[in-house]
């Protein structure tokens, strides 16, 4: 169990119970890592100098990232799905306002409320289906569309996250693109197993052709970032074309591809895929 990713052990509101929340907040190593990643996210956010901004902190936890925002003169609202984490944030008397919220159901704020958004180690949780009603694609799309609405135009959002595999990166960036964002992924120290960190940098209402360089990438050509834009080609069926018949080989292959994009494990195809079995008498 110790080697499993946290999001595979339990839903976030259960995993971060009172014991785990207290452990997370009092661990000096964890606090230092959280502070470093928050500082890097704030740097990538590239806010106007000497001007306080109103920011949104997604997955704020016990307020460790929010404290750095306060130290830099910004005002903020933090949302988190774990009541235990928010209780500790209240006990620590952080300066930001705190809300209990499931980001997969969207963030309900007025249009143009925030000058920017940061998130540390939270985005990958939305790729999981912890309940029967959870659909990662729909939850990510709902989150990104609501986030796009509550950000002011030409503002930015920076997410530090731990994707499980390349399919999850594609899933997340794909839904951000559908919601109207442009941007891409910035990778710090891509050659280091421990220091490597990934940041999804999103831009609302503006097209960005070049992302900031990742740290420690001077010797790695093209490894510091991957950019995407909001321009997508619309796929249309030609006249006479139809969707694959249910349970046919093509239908099964399409279903497998969808599950791969959701980051789920899929059995490899074979010559028997979609083949009907003979009836036994």
Protein backbone atom coordinates (compact mmCIF):
# COMPACT_ATOMS: atom_id res chain seq x y z
CA UNK A 1 0.00 0.00 0.00
CA UNK A 2 2.89 2.37 0.78
CA UNK A 3 4.05 2.35 -2.84
CA UNK A 4 0.63 3.15 -4.32
CA UNK A 5 -0.29 6.61 -5.51
CA UNK A 6 -2.55 8.46 -3.02
CA UNK A 7 -5.38 8.80 -5.55
CA UNK A 8 -5.45 4.99 -5.90
CA UNK A 9 -5.92 4.40 -2.18
CA UNK A 10 -9.12 6.33 -1.54
CA UNK A 11 -11.11 9.37 -2.72
CA UNK A 12 -9.45 12.65 -1.63
CA UNK A 13 -12.11 13.53 0.96
CA UNK A 14 -11.47 10.13 2.60
CA UNK A 15 -7.72 9.82 2.06
CA UNK A 16 -7.06 13.23 3.64
CA UNK A 17 -8.74 12.47 6.95
CA UNK A 18 -7.78 14.14 10.23
CA UNK A 19 -4.70 11.96 10.71
CA UNK A 20 -3.38 12.30 7.15
CA UNK A 21 -4.13 16.03 7.02
CA UNK A 22 -2.21 16.64 10.27
CA UNK A 23 0.70 14.51 9.03
CA UNK A 24 0.81 16.40 5.73
CA UNK A 25 0.87 19.80 7.41
CA UNK A 26 3.48 19.01 10.09
CA UNK A 27 5.95 17.17 7.86
CA UNK A 28 8.79 19.69 7.38
CA UNK A 29 9.97 18.06 4.14
CA UNK A 30 6.47 18.13 2.68
CA UNK A 31 6.01 21.74 3.75
CA UNK A 32 9.26 22.76 2.05
CA UNK A 33 8.38 20.94 -1.19
CA UNK A 34 4.91 22.51 -1.16
CA UNK A 35 6.43 25.95 -0.68
CA UNK A 36 8.93 25.46 -3.51
CA UNK A 37 6.26 24.29 -5.94
CA UNK A 38 3.96 27.16 -4.95
CA UNK A 39 6.76 29.66 -5.53
CA UNK A 40 7.43 28.15 -8.97
CA UNK A 41 3.72 28.24 -9.85
CA UNK A 42 3.56 31.89 -8.82
CA UNK A 43 6.62 32.61 -10.97
CA UNK A 44 4.99 30.94 -13.99
CA UNK A 45 1.79 32.90 -13.32
CA UNK A 46 3.87 36.01 -14.04
CA UNK A 47 1.58 38.51 -12.33
CA UNK A 48 2.08 42.28 -12.67
CA UNK A 49 4.79 43.49 -10.30
CA UNK A 50 3.98 45.54 -7.18
CA UNK A 51 0.26 44.99 -7.67
CA UNK A 52 -1.93 42.83 -5.38
CA UNK A 53 -4.11 40.35 -7.27
CA UNK A 54 -7.16 38.27 -6.39
CA UNK A 55 -6.28 34.60 -6.90
CA UNK A 56 -7.97 31.21 -6.72
CA UNK A 57 -6.15 28.26 -5.11
CA UNK A 58 -7.58 24.90 -6.27
CA UNK A 59 -6.94 22.09 -3.78
CA UNK A 60 -5.63 24.56 -1.21
CA UNK A 61 -5.44 21.89 1.52
CA UNK A 62 -4.28 23.30 4.85
CA UNK A 63 -3.25 26.63 3.29
CA UNK A 64 0.48 26.03 2.73
CA UNK A 65 0.37 27.43 -0.82
CA UNK A 66 -1.98 30.20 0.24
CA UNK A 67 0.50 31.45 2.83
CA UNK A 68 2.99 32.13 0.04
CA UNK A 69 0.34 34.09 -1.87
CA UNK A 70 -0.28 36.20 1.23
CA UNK A 71 3.45 36.81 1.71
CA UNK A 72 3.60 38.14 -1.84
CA UNK A 73 0.82 40.62 -1.15
CA UNK A 74 -2.05 38.82 -2.90
CA UNK A 75 -5.60 38.09 -1.77
CA UNK A 76 -6.98 34.62 -2.36
CA UNK A 77 -9.79 32.12 -2.03
CA UNK A 78 -8.95 28.46 -1.47
CA UNK A 79 -11.19 25.51 -2.34
CA UNK A 80 -10.68 21.89 -1.29
CA UNK A 81 -12.75 18.72 -1.08
CA UNK A 82 -11.27 17.63 2.28
CA UNK A 83 -13.01 19.07 5.33
CA UNK A 84 -10.14 17.87 7.53
CA UNK A 85 -7.62 19.88 5.49
CA UNK A 86 -9.79 22.99 5.67
CA UNK A 87 -10.21 22.55 9.44
CA UNK A 88 -6.42 22.66 9.86
CA UNK A 89 -6.25 25.73 7.60
CA UNK A 90 -8.77 27.43 9.93
CA UNK A 91 -6.71 26.42 12.97
CA UNK A 92 -3.60 27.88 11.34
CA UNK A 93 -5.54 31.14 10.75
CA UNK A 94 -4.55 31.54 7.11
CA UNK A 95 -5.51 34.85 5.51
CA UNK A 96 -7.52 33.49 2.57
CA UNK A 97 -11.20 32.61 2.45
CA UNK A 98 -11.84 28.85 2.42
CA UNK A 99 -14.60 26.86 0.71
CA UNK A 100 -15.47 23.16 0.74
CA UNK A 101 -15.79 22.26 -2.93
CA UNK A 102 -15.49 19.33 -5.35
CA UNK A 103 -13.67 20.84 -8.32
CA UNK A 104 -15.11 18.13 -10.57
CA UNK A 105 -18.53 19.73 -10.12
CA UNK A 106 -17.17 23.10 -11.21
CA UNK A 107 -16.15 26.23 -9.32
CA UNK A 108 -19.13 28.54 -8.91
CA UNK A 109 -17.87 32.11 -8.97
CA UNK A 110 -19.00 35.15 -10.91
CA UNK A 111 -17.49 35.69 -14.39
CA UNK A 112 -14.13 37.47 -14.33
CA UNK A 113 -13.73 37.25 -10.55
CA UNK A 114 -10.07 36.18 -10.40
CA UNK A 115 -6.82 37.60 -11.78
CA UNK A 116 -5.24 34.15 -11.82
CA UNK A 117 -5.30 30.63 -10.41
CA UNK A 118 -2.77 28.19 -8.97
CA UNK A 119 -3.07 24.56 -7.93
CA UNK A 120 -0.52 22.28 -6.31
CA UNK A 121 -0.72 18.46 -6.53
CA UNK A 122 -4.48 18.34 -7.04
CA UNK A 123 -5.35 18.12 -10.74
CA UNK A 124 -4.54 14.40 -11.17
CA UNK A 125 -7.30 13.48 -8.68
CA UNK A 126 -9.92 14.49 -11.26
CA UNK A 127 -8.73 11.69 -13.58
CA UNK A 128 -10.18 9.09 -11.19
CA UNK A 129 -13.73 7.76 -11.12
CA UNK A 130 -14.30 7.36 -7.37
CA UNK A 131 -18.08 6.98 -7.73
CA UNK A 132 -20.36 5.38 -10.27
CA UNK A 133 -21.53 8.81 -11.36
CA UNK A 134 -17.96 10.04 -11.95
CA UNK A 135 -16.79 10.42 -15.52
CA UNK A 136 -13.25 11.88 -15.67
CA UNK A 137 -13.79 13.48 -19.08
CA UNK A 138 -17.00 15.22 -18.00
CA UNK A 139 -15.60 16.25 -14.62
CA UNK A 140 -12.45 17.77 -16.14
CA UNK A 141 -14.48 19.58 -18.79
CA UNK A 142 -16.92 20.92 -16.17
CA UNK A 143 -14.01 22.11 -14.05
CA UNK A 144 -12.13 23.83 -16.88
CA UNK A 145 -15.22 25.50 -18.36
CA UNK A 146 -16.24 26.93 -14.98
CA UNK A 147 -12.65 28.03 -14.30
CA UNK A 148 -12.43 29.76 -17.68
CA UNK A 149 -15.60 31.69 -16.84
CA UNK A 150 -14.45 32.93 -13.44
CA UNK A 151 -11.03 34.10 -14.69
CA UNK A 152 -10.58 37.59 -16.10
CA UNK A 153 -9.60 37.71 -19.75
CA UNK A 154 -5.86 37.47 -20.49
CA UNK A 155 -5.31 35.91 -17.05
CA UNK A 156 -3.47 32.65 -16.38
CA UNK A 157 -3.78 29.45 -14.39
CA UNK A 158 -0.86 27.25 -13.35
CA UNK A 159 -1.31 23.67 -12.15
CA UNK A 160 1.50 21.58 -10.68
CA UNK A 161 0.37 17.99 -11.09
CA UNK A 162 1.57 14.37 -11.06
CA UNK A 163 0.16 12.57 -14.12
CA UNK A 164 0.22 8.80 -13.91
CA UNK A 165 1.02 8.35 -17.61
CA UNK A 166 1.07 10.27 -20.93
CA UNK A 167 -2.59 9.38 -21.51
CA UNK A 168 -3.58 11.41 -18.44
CA UNK A 169 -1.63 14.41 -19.73
CA UNK A 170 -3.49 14.12 -23.03
CA UNK A 171 -6.81 13.75 -21.22
CA UNK A 172 -6.26 16.83 -19.06
CA UNK A 173 -4.86 19.10 -21.77
CA UNK A 174 -7.58 17.97 -24.17
CA UNK A 175 -10.38 19.04 -21.84
CA UNK A 176 -8.63 22.35 -21.09
CA UNK A 177 -8.45 22.98 -24.83
CA UNK A 178 -12.15 22.17 -25.26
CA UNK A 179 -12.97 24.70 -22.54
CA UNK A 180 -11.24 27.47 -24.53
CA UNK A 181 -7.83 27.66 -22.89
CA UNK A 182 -4.52 27.83 -24.72
CA UNK A 183 -1.14 26.99 -23.20
CA UNK A 184 0.79 23.82 -22.53
CA UNK A 185 2.97 21.82 -20.17
CA UNK A 186 6.23 23.11 -18.71
CA UNK A 187 8.59 20.45 -17.34
CA UNK A 188 11.27 21.35 -14.80
CA UNK A 189 14.37 19.12 -14.55
CA UNK A 190 13.12 16.49 -17.05
CA UNK A 191 16.22 14.30 -16.57
CA UNK A 192 15.85 13.99 -12.79
CA UNK A 193 13.61 11.33 -11.27
CA UNK A 194 13.21 13.22 -7.98
CA UNK A 195 13.35 16.87 -9.03
CA UNK A 196 11.19 16.55 -12.14
CA UNK A 197 8.00 18.60 -11.88
CA UNK A 198 5.23 19.23 -14.40
CA UNK A 199 3.22 22.44 -14.64
CA UNK A 200 0.17 22.94 -16.83
CA UNK A 201 0.15 26.62 -17.83
CA UNK A 202 -3.20 27.84 -19.16
CA UNK A 203 -4.13 31.18 -20.71
CA UNK A 204 -7.67 32.53 -20.82
CA UNK A 205 -8.77 34.71 -23.70
CA UNK A 206 -5.39 34.94 -25.42
CA UNK A 207 -3.33 32.77 -27.76
CA UNK A 208 0.19 31.92 -26.57
CA UNK A 209 2.71 30.57 -29.05
CA UNK A 210 5.63 30.18 -26.65
CA UNK A 211 5.75 28.95 -23.06
CA UNK A 212 8.32 29.78 -20.37
CA UNK A 213 11.38 27.53 -20.38
CA UNK A 214 11.47 24.73 -17.84
CA UNK A 215 14.19 24.77 -15.21
CA UNK A 216 17.21 22.55 -15.83
CA UNK A 217 16.49 22.12 -19.55
CA UNK A 218 19.43 23.95 -21.09
CA UNK A 219 20.95 20.71 -22.37
CA UNK A 220 17.67 19.13 -23.46
CA UNK A 221 16.38 20.46 -26.75
CA UNK A 222 12.60 20.82 -26.77
CA UNK A 223 12.10 19.05 -23.43
CA UNK A 224 11.05 22.09 -21.44
CA UNK A 225 7.53 22.51 -22.76
CA UNK A 226 4.77 21.31 -25.05
CA UNK A 227 2.33 23.88 -26.36
CA UNK A 228 -1.25 23.48 -27.54
CA UNK A 229 -3.78 26.01 -28.80
CA UNK A 230 -7.54 26.20 -28.78
CA UNK A 231 -7.92 25.64 -32.51
CA UNK A 232 -9.38 22.23 -33.21
CA UNK A 233 -10.53 20.54 -36.37
CA UNK A 234 -14.14 19.50 -36.28
CA UNK A 235 -14.65 15.84 -37.14
CA UNK A 236 -17.65 15.22 -39.34
CA UNK A 237 -19.11 12.02 -40.73
CA UNK A 238 -19.32 11.86 -44.48
CA UNK A 239 -22.66 11.23 -46.07
CA UNK A 240 -23.50 7.56 -45.75
CA UNK A 241 -21.00 6.93 -42.94
CA UNK A 242 -22.31 5.50 -39.70
CA UNK A 243 -20.97 4.83 -36.25
CA UNK A 244 -19.62 1.30 -35.68
CA UNK A 245 -22.16 -1.36 -34.79
CA UNK A 246 -22.28 -1.99 -31.06
CA UNK A 247 -19.95 -4.80 -29.90
CA UNK A 248 -18.31 -5.01 -33.31
CA UNK A 249 -14.49 -5.00 -33.57
CA UNK A 250 -14.41 -1.30 -34.54
CA UNK A 251 -16.77 -0.40 -31.68
CA UNK A 252 -14.59 -2.27 -29.18
CA UNK A 253 -11.40 -0.62 -30.48
CA UNK A 254 -12.95 2.85 -30.17
CA UNK A 255 -14.05 2.06 -26.62
CA UNK A 256 -10.53 0.92 -25.72
CA UNK A 257 -9.06 4.14 -27.11
CA UNK A 258 -11.46 6.22 -25.00
CA UNK A 259 -10.45 4.32 -21.87
CA UNK A 260 -6.76 4.78 -22.70
CA UNK A 261 -7.30 8.54 -22.97
CA UNK A 262 -8.88 8.41 -19.50
CA UNK A 263 -5.69 6.82 -18.17
CA UNK A 264 -7.25 3.43 -17.52
CA UNK A 265 -5.64 0.06 -18.09
CA UNK A 266 -6.84 -1.68 -21.25
CA UNK A 267 -6.23 -5.23 -22.41
CA UNK A 268 -4.35 -5.42 -25.72
CA UNK A 269 -6.34 -6.38 -28.80
CA UNK A 270 -5.96 -9.72 -30.55
CA UNK A 271 -7.30 -11.57 -33.58
CA UNK A 272 -10.23 -12.69 -31.42
CA UNK A 273 -11.35 -9.13 -30.54
CA UNK A 274 -15.01 -8.70 -31.46
CA UNK A 275 -15.32 -12.25 -32.77
CA UNK A 276 -18.56 -14.00 -31.90
CA UNK A 277 -18.31 -17.22 -29.99
CA UNK A 278 -20.01 -20.34 -31.26
CA UNK A 279 -23.08 -21.40 -29.35
CA UNK A 280 -22.52 -24.52 -27.29
CA UNK A 281 -25.27 -27.13 -27.23
